[in-house]
Amino acid sequence: MLQVVRDLVAIFGVIAGFSYYVLTVRNAQKARQTTTLMQLYQTRYDIEGTVRFWKLLALQWDDFEDYMERYGPVSKPEDVEVRALFSAEGAFYDGLGIMLKKGIVDLDSVYSLFGVRCVMLWFKVETLIQGLRTTSTFGGGTALFENFEYLADEMIRITKQRGQPLPVDLLHPTSKLHKEYSNP
């Protein structure tokens, strides 16, 4: 009988130790995720990040060809700022989309921190990305910013699910999304 009690105490000790280990690992993972998201958040919402975002949203073009004429590397090789803004913001959201796909960050936190800006930017630049995907001149390819698109689709889905308004005024008339979202 004493042997059974000792064995049960040992088993419960192992179970308690394992449970503690699992909880500790989960908490450490959540802490790393929170730290990562907050570092990313700080880069987007500091003064410089906010200025870059609004500069990009303020750009105007009629269609993809007009954008390339106004800001493209062939027509305006010296004007790298616009292309850098577009690339930096697109790469940021593309990276965030990769992290979301891999489960490094959770959907609700990403939506809470970046959802509105992600949707605004996607609505603004979707036609440019689609245009770059079809041109071989700049090597965009069909995979260009595919994770940004995945992230934007998830953010749009949650926005609609929560009954929040979408920034349809940012949709370009040539956007494939224009018909879907402009006439709810």
N, C-alpha and C. Protein backbone atom coordinates (compact mmCIF):
# COMPACT_ATOMS: atom_id res chain seq x y z
N MET A 1 0.82 -1.20 0.00
CA MET A 1 0.00 0.00 0.00
C MET A 1 0.86 1.25 0.00
N LEU A 2 1.89 1.27 0.82
CA LEU A 2 2.80 2.41 0.88
C LEU A 2 3.50 2.62 -0.46
N GLN A 3 3.82 1.54 -1.12
CA GLN A 3 4.45 1.61 -2.44
C GLN A 3 3.51 2.26 -3.45
N VAL A 4 2.24 1.94 -3.42
CA VAL A 4 1.24 2.50 -4.33
C VAL A 4 1.10 4.00 -4.09
N VAL A 5 1.08 4.40 -2.82
CA VAL A 5 0.98 5.82 -2.48
C VAL A 5 2.20 6.56 -3.01
N ARG A 6 3.40 6.01 -2.81
CA ARG A 6 4.63 6.66 -3.32
C ARG A 6 4.60 6.76 -4.83
N ASP A 7 4.15 5.71 -5.50
CA ASP A 7 4.07 5.73 -6.96
C ASP A 7 3.07 6.78 -7.45
N LEU A 8 1.93 6.88 -6.77
CA LEU A 8 0.93 7.89 -7.13
C LEU A 8 1.47 9.31 -6.92
N VAL A 9 2.17 9.52 -5.81
CA VAL A 9 2.77 10.83 -5.54
C VAL A 9 3.79 11.16 -6.62
N ALA A 10 4.59 10.18 -7.00
CA ALA A 10 5.59 10.39 -8.05
C ALA A 10 4.92 10.72 -9.38
N ILE A 11 3.87 9.98 -9.72
CA ILE A 11 3.14 10.22 -10.98
C ILE A 11 2.52 11.61 -10.98
N PHE A 12 1.87 11.98 -9.88
CA PHE A 12 1.27 13.32 -9.79
C PHE A 12 2.34 14.40 -9.85
N GLY A 13 3.49 14.13 -9.28
CA GLY A 13 4.61 15.08 -9.35
C GLY A 13 5.08 15.28 -10.77
N VAL A 14 5.19 14.18 -11.53
CA VAL A 14 5.59 14.27 -12.94
C VAL A 14 4.53 15.03 -13.74
N ILE A 15 3.27 14.72 -13.50
CA ILE A 15 2.18 15.41 -14.21
C ILE A 15 2.19 16.90 -13.88
N ALA A 16 2.35 17.23 -12.62
CA ALA A 16 2.39 18.65 -12.22
C ALA A 16 3.59 19.35 -12.85
N GLY A 17 4.74 18.69 -12.84
CA GLY A 17 5.93 19.28 -13.45
C GLY A 17 5.76 19.50 -14.94
N PHE A 18 5.20 18.52 -15.63
CA PHE A 18 4.96 18.64 -17.06
C PHE A 18 3.96 19.75 -17.35
N SER A 19 2.89 19.82 -16.57
CA SER A 19 1.89 20.88 -16.74
C SER A 19 2.51 22.26 -16.55
N TYR A 20 3.34 22.39 -15.53
CA TYR A 20 4.03 23.65 -15.28
C TYR A 20 4.93 24.01 -16.46
N TYR A 21 5.64 23.03 -16.99
CA TYR A 21 6.52 23.25 -18.14
C TYR A 21 5.71 23.73 -19.34
N VAL A 22 4.59 23.06 -19.64
CA VAL A 22 3.75 23.44 -20.78
C VAL A 22 3.23 24.87 -20.61
N LEU A 23 2.75 25.20 -19.43
CA LEU A 23 2.26 26.56 -19.17
C LEU A 23 3.37 27.59 -19.31
N THR A 24 4.54 27.26 -18.82
CA THR A 24 5.68 28.17 -18.92
C THR A 24 6.06 28.41 -20.38
N VAL A 25 6.09 27.35 -21.17
CA VAL A 25 6.42 27.48 -22.60
C VAL A 25 5.36 28.31 -23.31
N ARG A 26 4.09 28.06 -23.03
CA ARG A 26 3.01 28.84 -23.66
C ARG A 26 3.11 30.31 -23.29
N ASN A 27 3.36 30.60 -22.02
CA ASN A 27 3.49 31.99 -21.59
C ASN A 27 4.69 32.65 -22.24
N ALA A 28 5.79 31.93 -22.36
CA ALA A 28 6.98 32.48 -23.02
C ALA A 28 6.70 32.76 -24.49
N GLN A 29 5.97 31.86 -25.14
CA GLN A 29 5.61 32.06 -26.54
C GLN A 29 4.71 33.28 -26.70
N LYS A 30 3.72 33.42 -25.83
CA LYS A 30 2.84 34.60 -25.87
C LYS A 30 3.63 35.88 -25.64
N ALA A 31 4.57 35.84 -24.70
CA ALA A 31 5.40 37.01 -24.41
C ALA A 31 6.24 37.39 -25.62
N ARG A 32 6.83 36.40 -26.30
CA ARG A 32 7.62 36.67 -27.50
C ARG A 32 6.74 37.26 -28.60
N GLN A 33 5.55 36.69 -28.77
CA GLN A 33 4.63 37.19 -29.77
C GLN A 33 4.23 38.63 -29.49
N THR A 34 3.94 38.91 -28.24
CA THR A 34 3.56 40.27 -27.85
C THR A 34 4.70 41.24 -28.08
N THR A 35 5.90 40.84 -27.72
CA THR A 35 7.08 41.70 -27.93
C THR A 35 7.29 41.96 -29.41
N THR A 36 7.19 40.92 -30.22
CA THR A 36 7.36 41.07 -31.67
C THR A 36 6.32 42.02 -32.24
N LEU A 37 5.06 41.80 -31.89
CA LEU A 37 4.00 42.66 -32.42
C LEU A 37 4.16 44.11 -31.97
N MET A 38 4.54 44.31 -30.73
CA MET A 38 4.70 45.69 -30.24
C MET A 38 5.89 46.38 -30.91
N GLN A 39 6.95 45.64 -31.19
CA GLN A 39 8.08 46.23 -31.92
C GLN A 39 7.65 46.63 -33.33
N LEU A 40 6.90 45.76 -33.98
CA LEU A 40 6.39 46.08 -35.31
C LEU A 40 5.43 47.26 -35.25
N TYR A 41 4.58 47.26 -34.26
CA TYR A 41 3.61 48.35 -34.08
C TYR A 41 4.33 49.69 -33.92
N GLN A 42 5.39 49.71 -33.13
CA GLN A 42 6.13 50.95 -32.90
C GLN A 42 6.75 51.48 -34.18
N THR A 43 7.19 50.59 -35.09
CA THR A 43 7.79 51.07 -36.34
C THR A 43 6.75 51.64 -37.29
N ARG A 44 5.52 51.18 -37.18
CA ARG A 44 4.47 51.67 -38.08
C ARG A 44 3.80 52.92 -37.54
N TYR A 45 3.73 53.06 -36.24
CA TYR A 45 2.96 54.14 -35.66
C TYR A 45 3.81 55.22 -35.01
N ASP A 46 5.13 55.18 -35.24
CA ASP A 46 5.92 56.32 -34.80
C ASP A 46 5.71 57.44 -35.83
N ILE A 47 6.29 58.59 -35.61
CA ILE A 47 6.05 59.73 -36.50
C ILE A 47 6.49 59.42 -37.92
N GLU A 48 7.67 58.86 -38.09
CA GLU A 48 8.18 58.58 -39.43
C GLU A 48 7.31 57.55 -40.16
N GLY A 49 6.91 56.50 -39.44
CA GLY A 49 6.07 55.48 -40.05
C GLY A 49 4.71 56.03 -40.45
N THR A 50 4.16 56.88 -39.62
CA THR A 50 2.86 57.48 -39.91
C THR A 50 2.97 58.42 -41.11
N VAL A 51 4.03 59.20 -41.19
CA VAL A 51 4.23 60.11 -42.33
C VAL A 51 4.37 59.30 -43.62
N ARG A 52 5.15 58.23 -43.58
CA ARG A 52 5.32 57.38 -44.77
C ARG A 52 3.99 56.83 -45.24
N PHE A 53 3.19 56.35 -44.29
CA PHE A 53 1.89 55.77 -44.62
C PHE A 53 0.99 56.79 -45.30
N TRP A 54 0.87 57.98 -44.71
CA TRP A 54 -0.03 58.99 -45.27
C TRP A 54 0.50 59.57 -46.58
N LYS A 55 1.81 59.63 -46.75
CA LYS A 55 2.37 60.06 -48.05
C LYS A 55 1.96 59.09 -49.14
N LEU A 56 2.04 57.82 -48.84
CA LEU A 56 1.67 56.80 -49.81
C LEU A 56 0.18 56.88 -50.13
N LEU A 57 -0.65 57.07 -49.12
CA LEU A 57 -2.10 57.18 -49.38
C LEU A 57 -2.46 58.43 -50.17
N ALA A 58 -1.62 59.47 -50.08
CA ALA A 58 -1.92 60.73 -50.77
C ALA A 58 -1.55 60.69 -52.26
N LEU A 59 -0.79 59.70 -52.68
CA LEU A 59 -0.42 59.61 -54.09
C LEU A 59 -1.65 59.39 -54.97
N GLN A 60 -1.60 59.92 -56.17
CA GLN A 60 -2.71 59.80 -57.11
C GLN A 60 -2.22 59.26 -58.43
N TRP A 61 -3.02 58.41 -59.08
CA TRP A 61 -2.74 57.92 -60.41
C TRP A 61 -4.06 57.46 -61.02
N ASP A 62 -4.11 57.45 -62.35
CA ASP A 62 -5.33 57.06 -63.05
C ASP A 62 -5.46 55.55 -63.21
N ASP A 63 -4.36 54.90 -63.56
CA ASP A 63 -4.33 53.45 -63.72
C ASP A 63 -2.87 53.01 -63.58
N PHE A 64 -2.61 51.75 -63.79
CA PHE A 64 -1.26 51.23 -63.59
C PHE A 64 -0.26 51.93 -64.51
N GLU A 65 -0.64 52.12 -65.76
CA GLU A 65 0.27 52.78 -66.71
C GLU A 65 0.58 54.21 -66.27
N ASP A 66 -0.43 54.91 -65.76
CA ASP A 66 -0.22 56.27 -65.27
C ASP A 66 0.71 56.27 -64.05
N TYR A 67 0.52 55.30 -63.16
CA TYR A 67 1.42 55.19 -62.00
C TYR A 67 2.86 55.00 -62.47
N MET A 68 3.05 54.11 -63.43
CA MET A 68 4.40 53.84 -63.93
C MET A 68 4.99 55.07 -64.62
N GLU A 69 4.14 55.83 -65.28
CA GLU A 69 4.61 57.06 -65.93
C GLU A 69 5.01 58.12 -64.90
N ARG A 70 4.21 58.25 -63.86
CA ARG A 70 4.47 59.26 -62.83
C ARG A 70 5.59 58.88 -61.87
N TYR A 71 5.65 57.60 -61.49
CA TYR A 71 6.54 57.20 -60.40
C TYR A 71 7.47 56.04 -60.73
N GLY A 72 7.33 55.45 -61.91
CA GLY A 72 8.08 54.24 -62.24
C GLY A 72 9.57 54.45 -62.42
N PRO A 73 10.35 53.38 -62.32
CA PRO A 73 11.81 53.47 -62.42
C PRO A 73 12.32 53.82 -63.81
N VAL A 74 11.54 53.56 -64.85
CA VAL A 74 11.98 53.91 -66.20
C VAL A 74 11.72 55.38 -66.47
N SER A 75 10.53 55.86 -66.16
CA SER A 75 10.18 57.25 -66.45
C SER A 75 10.76 58.22 -65.43
N LYS A 76 10.93 57.80 -64.19
CA LYS A 76 11.45 58.67 -63.13
C LYS A 76 12.54 57.94 -62.32
N PRO A 77 13.66 57.61 -62.96
CA PRO A 77 14.68 56.84 -62.24
C PRO A 77 15.24 57.56 -61.01
N GLU A 78 15.20 58.88 -61.04
CA GLU A 78 15.75 59.65 -59.92
C GLU A 78 14.79 59.75 -58.73
N ASP A 79 13.53 59.49 -58.96
CA ASP A 79 12.51 59.64 -57.92
C ASP A 79 12.27 58.29 -57.22
N VAL A 80 13.16 57.95 -56.33
CA VAL A 80 13.07 56.65 -55.68
C VAL A 80 12.19 56.68 -54.43
N GLU A 81 11.85 57.85 -53.91
CA GLU A 81 11.10 57.92 -52.66
C GLU A 81 9.75 57.21 -52.75
N VAL A 82 9.01 57.46 -53.82
CA VAL A 82 7.68 56.85 -53.95
C VAL A 82 7.81 55.33 -54.04
N ARG A 83 8.75 54.87 -54.85
CA ARG A 83 8.95 53.42 -54.98
C ARG A 83 9.40 52.82 -53.65
N ALA A 84 10.21 53.55 -52.91
CA ALA A 84 10.67 53.07 -51.60
C ALA A 84 9.50 53.00 -50.61
N LEU A 85 8.64 54.01 -50.63
CA LEU A 85 7.45 53.99 -49.76
C LEU A 85 6.59 52.77 -50.07
N PHE A 86 6.32 52.57 -51.34
CA PHE A 86 5.48 51.46 -51.79
C PHE A 86 6.12 50.12 -51.41
N SER A 87 7.40 49.98 -51.68
CA SER A 87 8.10 48.73 -51.38
C SER A 87 8.17 48.45 -49.88
N ALA A 88 8.49 49.48 -49.10
CA ALA A 88 8.64 49.29 -47.65
C ALA A 88 7.31 48.92 -47.01
N GLU A 89 6.26 49.62 -47.35
CA GLU A 89 4.95 49.31 -46.76
C GLU A 89 4.46 47.94 -47.23
N GLY A 90 4.60 47.68 -48.52
CA GLY A 90 4.18 46.39 -49.04
C GLY A 90 4.96 45.24 -48.41
N ALA A 91 6.26 45.41 -48.27
CA ALA A 91 7.10 44.36 -47.67
C ALA A 91 6.74 44.14 -46.21
N PHE A 92 6.42 45.21 -45.50
CA PHE A 92 6.03 45.07 -44.10
C PHE A 92 4.79 44.19 -43.98
N TYR A 93 3.75 44.52 -44.74
CA TYR A 93 2.51 43.75 -44.65
C TYR A 93 2.65 42.36 -45.25
N ASP A 94 3.53 42.20 -46.22
CA ASP A 94 3.81 40.88 -46.75
C ASP A 94 4.46 40.01 -45.67
N GLY A 95 5.41 40.57 -44.94
CA GLY A 95 6.06 39.85 -43.85
C GLY A 95 5.09 39.52 -42.74
N LEU A 96 4.21 40.44 -42.42
CA LEU A 96 3.20 40.19 -41.39
C LEU A 96 2.26 39.07 -41.83
N GLY A 97 1.94 39.04 -43.12
CA GLY A 97 1.12 37.95 -43.66
C GLY A 97 1.81 36.60 -43.53
N ILE A 98 3.11 36.56 -43.76
CA ILE A 98 3.88 35.32 -43.59
C ILE A 98 3.83 34.87 -42.14
N MET A 99 4.04 35.82 -41.23
CA MET A 99 4.02 35.48 -39.81
C MET A 99 2.65 34.97 -39.38
N LEU A 100 1.60 35.53 -39.95
CA LEU A 100 0.24 35.08 -39.63
C LEU A 100 0.01 33.67 -40.16
N LYS A 101 0.42 33.41 -41.40
CA LYS A 101 0.27 32.08 -41.99
C LYS A 101 0.99 31.02 -41.17
N LYS A 102 2.16 31.35 -40.67
CA LYS A 102 2.97 30.38 -39.93
C LYS A 102 2.58 30.27 -38.47
N GLY A 103 1.62 31.08 -38.03
CA GLY A 103 1.17 31.01 -36.65
C GLY A 103 2.10 31.69 -35.67
N ILE A 104 3.00 32.53 -36.15
CA ILE A 104 3.93 33.25 -35.28
C ILE A 104 3.19 34.35 -34.53
N VAL A 105 2.18 34.92 -35.18
CA VAL A 105 1.33 35.93 -34.56
C VAL A 105 -0.11 35.49 -34.70
N ASP A 106 -0.97 35.96 -33.80
CA ASP A 106 -2.37 35.54 -33.87
C ASP A 106 -3.22 36.58 -34.60
N LEU A 107 -4.25 36.08 -35.25
CA LEU A 107 -5.11 36.88 -36.11
C LEU A 107 -5.76 38.05 -35.38
N ASP A 108 -6.29 37.82 -34.20
CA ASP A 108 -6.99 38.88 -33.48
C ASP A 108 -6.05 40.03 -33.11
N SER A 109 -4.85 39.70 -32.67
CA SER A 109 -3.88 40.76 -32.32
C SER A 109 -3.46 41.54 -33.55
N VAL A 110 -3.21 40.83 -34.64
CA VAL A 110 -2.82 41.51 -35.88
C VAL A 110 -3.94 42.43 -36.33
N TYR A 111 -5.17 41.96 -36.27
CA TYR A 111 -6.30 42.81 -36.66
C TYR A 111 -6.39 44.04 -35.76
N SER A 112 -6.27 43.82 -34.45
CA SER A 112 -6.39 44.94 -33.51
C SER A 112 -5.31 45.99 -33.73
N LEU A 113 -4.11 45.55 -34.05
CA LEU A 113 -2.99 46.49 -34.19
C LEU A 113 -2.83 47.06 -35.60
N PHE A 114 -3.09 46.24 -36.61
CA PHE A 114 -2.76 46.64 -37.98
C PHE A 114 -3.91 46.55 -38.97
N GLY A 115 -5.06 46.06 -38.55
CA GLY A 115 -6.15 45.77 -39.48
C GLY A 115 -6.61 46.94 -40.32
N VAL A 116 -6.88 48.05 -39.68
CA VAL A 116 -7.40 49.22 -40.41
C VAL A 116 -6.39 49.71 -41.44
N ARG A 117 -5.15 49.87 -41.02
CA ARG A 117 -4.12 50.35 -41.97
C ARG A 117 -3.88 49.36 -43.09
N CYS A 118 -3.88 48.10 -42.76
CA CYS A 118 -3.67 47.07 -43.79
C CYS A 118 -4.74 47.17 -44.87
N VAL A 119 -5.99 47.24 -44.46
CA VAL A 119 -7.08 47.32 -45.43
C VAL A 119 -7.00 48.62 -46.22
N MET A 120 -6.72 49.73 -45.55
CA MET A 120 -6.60 51.01 -46.26
C MET A 120 -5.53 50.93 -47.33
N LEU A 121 -4.37 50.41 -46.95
CA LEU A 121 -3.26 50.35 -47.90
C LEU A 121 -3.57 49.37 -49.03
N TRP A 122 -4.14 48.21 -48.70
CA TRP A 122 -4.46 47.24 -49.75
C TRP A 122 -5.45 47.84 -50.75
N PHE A 123 -6.48 48.52 -50.25
CA PHE A 123 -7.44 49.14 -51.15
C PHE A 123 -6.76 50.18 -52.05
N LYS A 124 -5.78 50.87 -51.52
CA LYS A 124 -5.08 51.91 -52.28
C LYS A 124 -4.17 51.31 -53.36
N VAL A 125 -3.43 50.25 -53.03
CA VAL A 125 -2.37 49.78 -53.94
C VAL A 125 -2.68 48.46 -54.64
N GLU A 126 -3.83 47.89 -54.41
CA GLU A 126 -4.15 46.58 -55.02
C GLU A 126 -3.98 46.61 -56.53
N THR A 127 -4.43 47.66 -57.19
CA THR A 127 -4.30 47.72 -58.65
C THR A 127 -2.84 47.77 -59.08
N LEU A 128 -2.01 48.43 -58.28
CA LEU A 128 -0.58 48.50 -58.63
C LEU A 128 0.07 47.13 -58.51
N ILE A 129 -0.27 46.42 -57.45
CA ILE A 129 0.30 45.08 -57.25
C ILE A 129 -0.16 44.15 -58.36
N GLN A 130 -1.45 44.22 -58.72
CA GLN A 130 -1.94 43.39 -59.82
C GLN A 130 -1.21 43.73 -61.12
N GLY A 131 -0.97 45.02 -61.34
CA GLY A 131 -0.24 45.44 -62.54
C GLY A 131 1.20 44.95 -62.53
N LEU A 132 1.86 45.06 -61.40
CA LEU A 132 3.25 44.60 -61.30
C LEU A 132 3.34 43.09 -61.46
N ARG A 133 2.32 42.37 -61.03
CA ARG A 133 2.33 40.91 -61.18
C ARG A 133 2.27 40.49 -62.64
N THR A 134 1.71 41.33 -63.49
CA THR A 134 1.55 40.95 -64.89
C THR A 134 2.65 41.48 -65.79
N THR A 135 3.49 42.34 -65.29
CA THR A 135 4.56 42.88 -66.12
C THR A 135 5.86 42.12 -65.86
N SER A 136 6.54 41.78 -66.91
CA SER A 136 7.80 41.06 -66.75
C SER A 136 8.97 42.02 -66.63
N THR A 137 8.75 43.29 -66.93
CA THR A 137 9.83 44.27 -66.90
C THR A 137 10.49 44.38 -65.54
N PHE A 138 9.71 44.32 -64.49
CA PHE A 138 10.26 44.52 -63.15
C PHE A 138 10.25 43.26 -62.31
N GLY A 139 9.96 42.13 -62.92
CA GLY A 139 10.06 40.86 -62.23
C GLY A 139 9.10 40.67 -61.08
N GLY A 140 7.93 41.29 -61.17
CA GLY A 140 6.96 41.14 -60.09
C GLY A 140 6.51 39.71 -59.90
N GLY A 141 6.05 39.11 -60.97
CA GLY A 141 5.56 37.74 -60.89
C GLY A 141 4.28 37.62 -60.10
N THR A 142 3.62 36.50 -60.24
CA THR A 142 2.33 36.30 -59.61
C THR A 142 2.41 36.22 -58.09
N ALA A 143 3.59 35.97 -57.55
CA ALA A 143 3.74 35.84 -56.10
C ALA A 143 4.04 37.18 -55.41
N LEU A 144 4.18 38.25 -56.18
CA LEU A 144 4.52 39.54 -55.59
C LEU A 144 3.49 39.94 -54.54
N PHE A 145 3.93 40.12 -53.33
CA PHE A 145 3.08 40.53 -52.21
C PHE A 145 1.87 39.62 -51.99
N GLU A 146 2.03 38.33 -52.29
CA GLU A 146 0.90 37.40 -52.10
C GLU A 146 0.53 37.26 -50.62
N ASN A 147 1.49 37.42 -49.73
CA ASN A 147 1.19 37.32 -48.31
C ASN A 147 0.53 38.60 -47.79
N PHE A 148 0.83 39.73 -48.41
CA PHE A 148 0.13 40.97 -48.12
C PHE A 148 -1.34 40.80 -48.53
N GLU A 149 -1.57 40.20 -49.69
CA GLU A 149 -2.94 39.97 -50.15
C GLU A 149 -3.68 39.03 -49.20
N TYR A 150 -2.99 37.97 -48.77
CA TYR A 150 -3.59 37.04 -47.81
C TYR A 150 -3.98 37.78 -46.53
N LEU A 151 -3.05 38.58 -46.01
CA LEU A 151 -3.31 39.35 -44.80
C LEU A 151 -4.48 40.31 -45.00
N ALA A 152 -4.49 41.03 -46.12
CA ALA A 152 -5.57 41.97 -46.41
C ALA A 152 -6.91 41.25 -46.49
N ASP A 153 -6.94 40.09 -47.14
CA ASP A 153 -8.18 39.32 -47.23
C ASP A 153 -8.70 38.94 -45.84
N GLU A 154 -7.79 38.54 -44.96
CA GLU A 154 -8.18 38.18 -43.59
C GLU A 154 -8.69 39.42 -42.83
N MET A 155 -8.01 40.54 -43.00
CA MET A 155 -8.41 41.77 -42.31
C MET A 155 -9.77 42.25 -42.83
N ILE A 156 -9.99 42.13 -44.14
CA ILE A 156 -11.28 42.52 -44.74
C ILE A 156 -12.39 41.61 -44.20
N ARG A 157 -12.10 40.31 -44.15
CA ARG A 157 -13.09 39.35 -43.66
C ARG A 157 -13.51 39.68 -42.22
N ILE A 158 -12.52 39.97 -41.37
CA ILE A 158 -12.84 40.29 -39.97
C ILE A 158 -13.58 41.62 -39.87
N THR A 159 -13.17 42.59 -40.66
CA THR A 159 -13.84 43.90 -40.65
C THR A 159 -15.31 43.73 -41.00
N LYS A 160 -15.58 42.97 -42.05
CA LYS A 160 -16.97 42.72 -42.45
C LYS A 160 -17.72 41.92 -41.38
N GLN A 161 -17.04 40.92 -40.83
CA GLN A 161 -17.64 40.07 -39.80
C GLN A 161 -18.06 40.89 -38.58
N ARG A 162 -17.27 41.89 -38.24
CA ARG A 162 -17.56 42.73 -37.07
C ARG A 162 -18.48 43.89 -37.40
N GLY A 163 -18.91 43.98 -38.62
CA GLY A 163 -19.83 45.03 -39.02
C GLY A 163 -19.18 46.40 -39.10
N GLN A 164 -17.87 46.44 -39.24
CA GLN A 164 -17.16 47.71 -39.34
C GLN A 164 -17.15 48.18 -40.80
N PRO A 165 -17.10 49.48 -41.02
CA PRO A 165 -17.08 49.97 -42.40
C PRO A 165 -15.71 49.74 -43.06
N LEU A 166 -15.75 49.46 -44.35
CA LEU A 166 -14.53 49.32 -45.13
C LEU A 166 -14.21 50.67 -45.77
N PRO A 167 -12.93 51.00 -45.93
CA PRO A 167 -12.55 52.30 -46.52
C PRO A 167 -12.69 52.28 -48.04
N VAL A 168 -13.93 52.10 -48.53
CA VAL A 168 -14.16 51.94 -49.96
C VAL A 168 -13.79 53.18 -50.77
N ASP A 169 -13.71 54.33 -50.13
CA ASP A 169 -13.31 55.53 -50.87
C ASP A 169 -11.87 55.45 -51.34
N LEU A 170 -11.08 54.55 -50.78
CA LEU A 170 -9.70 54.36 -51.21
C LEU A 170 -9.57 53.40 -52.38
N LEU A 171 -10.64 52.67 -52.68
CA LEU A 171 -10.58 51.74 -53.80
C LEU A 171 -10.40 52.48 -55.11
N HIS A 172 -9.48 52.01 -55.90
CA HIS A 172 -9.25 52.61 -57.21
C HIS A 172 -10.34 52.12 -58.16
N PRO A 173 -10.84 52.99 -59.04
CA PRO A 173 -11.90 52.56 -59.96
C PRO A 173 -11.51 51.35 -60.82
N THR A 174 -10.22 51.14 -61.06
CA THR A 174 -9.79 50.00 -61.86
C THR A 174 -9.55 48.74 -61.03
N SER A 175 -9.79 48.83 -59.73
CA SER A 175 -9.55 47.70 -58.84
C SER A 175 -10.55 46.58 -59.09
N LYS A 176 -10.07 45.35 -58.99
CA LYS A 176 -10.99 44.21 -59.09
C LYS A 176 -11.95 44.18 -57.90
N LEU A 177 -11.58 44.87 -56.81
CA LEU A 177 -12.41 44.91 -55.61
C LEU A 177 -13.49 45.99 -55.68
N HIS A 178 -13.34 46.94 -56.62
CA HIS A 178 -14.23 48.09 -56.67
C HIS A 178 -15.69 47.69 -56.79
N LYS A 179 -16.00 46.79 -57.70
CA LYS A 179 -17.39 46.37 -57.89
C LYS A 179 -17.93 45.64 -56.67
N GLU A 180 -17.08 44.81 -56.06
CA GLU A 180 -17.52 44.02 -54.92
C GLU A 180 -17.83 44.86 -53.69
N TYR A 181 -17.02 45.89 -53.44
CA TYR A 181 -17.16 46.64 -52.18
C TYR A 181 -17.79 48.02 -52.34
N SER A 182 -17.86 48.55 -53.52
CA SER A 182 -18.40 49.90 -53.68
C SER A 182 -19.92 49.94 -53.62
N ASN A 183 -20.56 48.85 -53.94
CA ASN A 183 -22.02 48.80 -53.94
C ASN A 183 -22.51 47.73 -52.96
N PRO A 184 -22.44 48.03 -51.65
CA PRO A 184 -22.84 47.00 -50.68
C PRO A 184 -24.31 46.67 -50.71
